[in-house]
Protein backbone atom coordinates (compact mmCIF):
# COMPACT_ATOMS: atom_id res chain seq x y z
CA SER A 1 -0.64 20.32 -36.36
CA SER A 2 -1.86 18.00 -33.61
CA LEU A 3 -1.51 14.32 -32.88
CA TYR A 4 -4.35 12.06 -31.78
CA VAL A 5 -3.51 8.72 -30.20
CA SER A 6 -6.03 6.28 -28.80
CA CYS A 7 -6.01 2.89 -27.16
CA THR A 8 -8.96 0.53 -27.49
CA MET A 9 -9.27 -2.35 -25.07
CA PRO A 10 -12.80 -3.70 -25.61
CA SER A 11 -12.58 -6.66 -23.24
CA ILE A 12 -10.66 -5.35 -20.24
CA GLU A 13 -11.94 -6.64 -16.90
CA VAL A 14 -10.97 -4.78 -13.75
CA GLY A 15 -12.39 -4.65 -10.26
CA THR A 16 -12.12 -2.37 -7.26
CA VAL A 17 -14.30 -4.32 -4.80
CA GLY A 18 -14.35 -7.97 -3.78
CA GLY A 19 -11.91 -10.71 -4.66
CA GLY A 20 -8.28 -9.85 -3.93
CA THR A 21 -8.91 -6.11 -3.58
CA SER A 22 -8.99 -6.48 0.22
CA LEU A 23 -5.44 -7.89 0.37
CA PRO A 24 -2.96 -5.33 1.76
CA ALA A 25 -0.82 -4.78 -1.35
CA GLN A 26 -3.76 -4.65 -3.74
CA ALA A 27 -5.75 -2.34 -1.46
CA ALA A 28 -2.74 -0.03 -1.12
CA CYS A 29 -2.25 0.19 -4.89
CA LEU A 30 -5.93 0.90 -5.50
CA GLY A 31 -5.79 3.54 -2.77
CA LEU A 32 -2.76 5.22 -4.36
CA MET A 33 -4.66 5.51 -7.62
CA GLY A 34 -7.77 6.76 -5.85
CA VAL A 35 -9.99 3.93 -7.07
CA LYS A 36 -10.38 1.76 -3.94
CA GLY A 37 -13.96 0.71 -3.31
CA ALA A 38 -17.14 1.14 -5.29
CA GLY A 39 -17.00 4.90 -5.82
CA GLU A 40 -19.78 7.47 -5.66
CA THR A 41 -21.77 5.71 -8.35
CA PRO A 42 -21.62 1.95 -8.92
CA GLY A 43 -18.76 1.07 -11.26
CA ALA A 44 -17.21 4.55 -11.27
CA ASN A 45 -13.92 3.42 -9.72
CA SER A 46 -13.69 0.37 -11.98
CA GLN A 47 -14.22 2.61 -15.00
CA GLN A 48 -11.49 4.97 -13.78
CA LEU A 49 -9.13 2.02 -13.16
CA SER A 50 -9.68 0.75 -16.70
CA LYS A 51 -8.80 4.22 -18.02
CA LEU A 52 -5.60 4.20 -15.95
CA VAL A 53 -4.65 0.76 -17.31
CA CYS A 54 -5.33 1.89 -20.88
CA ALA A 55 -3.29 5.07 -20.36
CA SER A 56 -0.38 2.99 -19.05
CA VAL A 57 -0.54 0.72 -22.09
CA MET A 58 -0.58 3.75 -24.39
CA ALA A 59 2.42 5.27 -22.59
CA GLY A 60 4.35 2.04 -23.06
CA GLU A 61 3.50 1.91 -26.74
CA LEU A 62 4.55 5.53 -27.27
CA SER A 63 7.82 4.84 -25.44
CA LEU A 64 8.46 1.83 -27.67
CA LEU A 65 7.74 3.86 -30.81
CA ALA A 66 10.09 6.61 -29.63
CA ALA A 67 12.87 4.09 -28.96
CA LEU A 68 12.36 2.49 -32.37
CA SER A 69 12.36 5.85 -34.16
CA VAL A 70 15.86 6.77 -32.93
CA ASN A 71 17.28 3.23 -33.02
CA HIS A 72 17.65 3.04 -29.22
CA LEU A 73 15.88 -0.29 -29.00
CA VAL A 74 18.32 -2.01 -31.34
CA SER A 75 21.39 -0.37 -29.79
CA ALA A 76 20.23 -1.31 -26.27
CA HIS A 77 19.73 -4.92 -27.31
CA MET A 78 23.18 -4.98 -28.89
CA ALA A 79 24.80 -3.35 -25.84
CA LEU A 80 23.12 -5.76 -23.44
CA GLY A 81 24.16 -8.80 -25.42
CA ARG A 82 20.75 -9.66 -26.86
CA ARG A 83 22.04 -10.44 -30.29
CA ASP A 84 22.30 -13.59 -32.32
CA ARG A 85 25.11 -15.72 -30.88
CA LYS A 86 26.03 -18.01 -33.79
């Protein structure tokens, strides 16, 4: 009576220190998610960021499956003119 959904991303590379993370927009986004900087233990914030990315991917996939299951994806494409124009 329950549903289990998982998302495996074995090669995801994320960072919360160094590189572009000090730029204003990137720093603000990391701050909003609570993963700016190294974290209490080394790599803790990067690990949390990778979980957030994976959760976002899973949410998108579930949304796509829901749209496909009720034919919304096809009807939206037809309504927006994304059909074969022969």
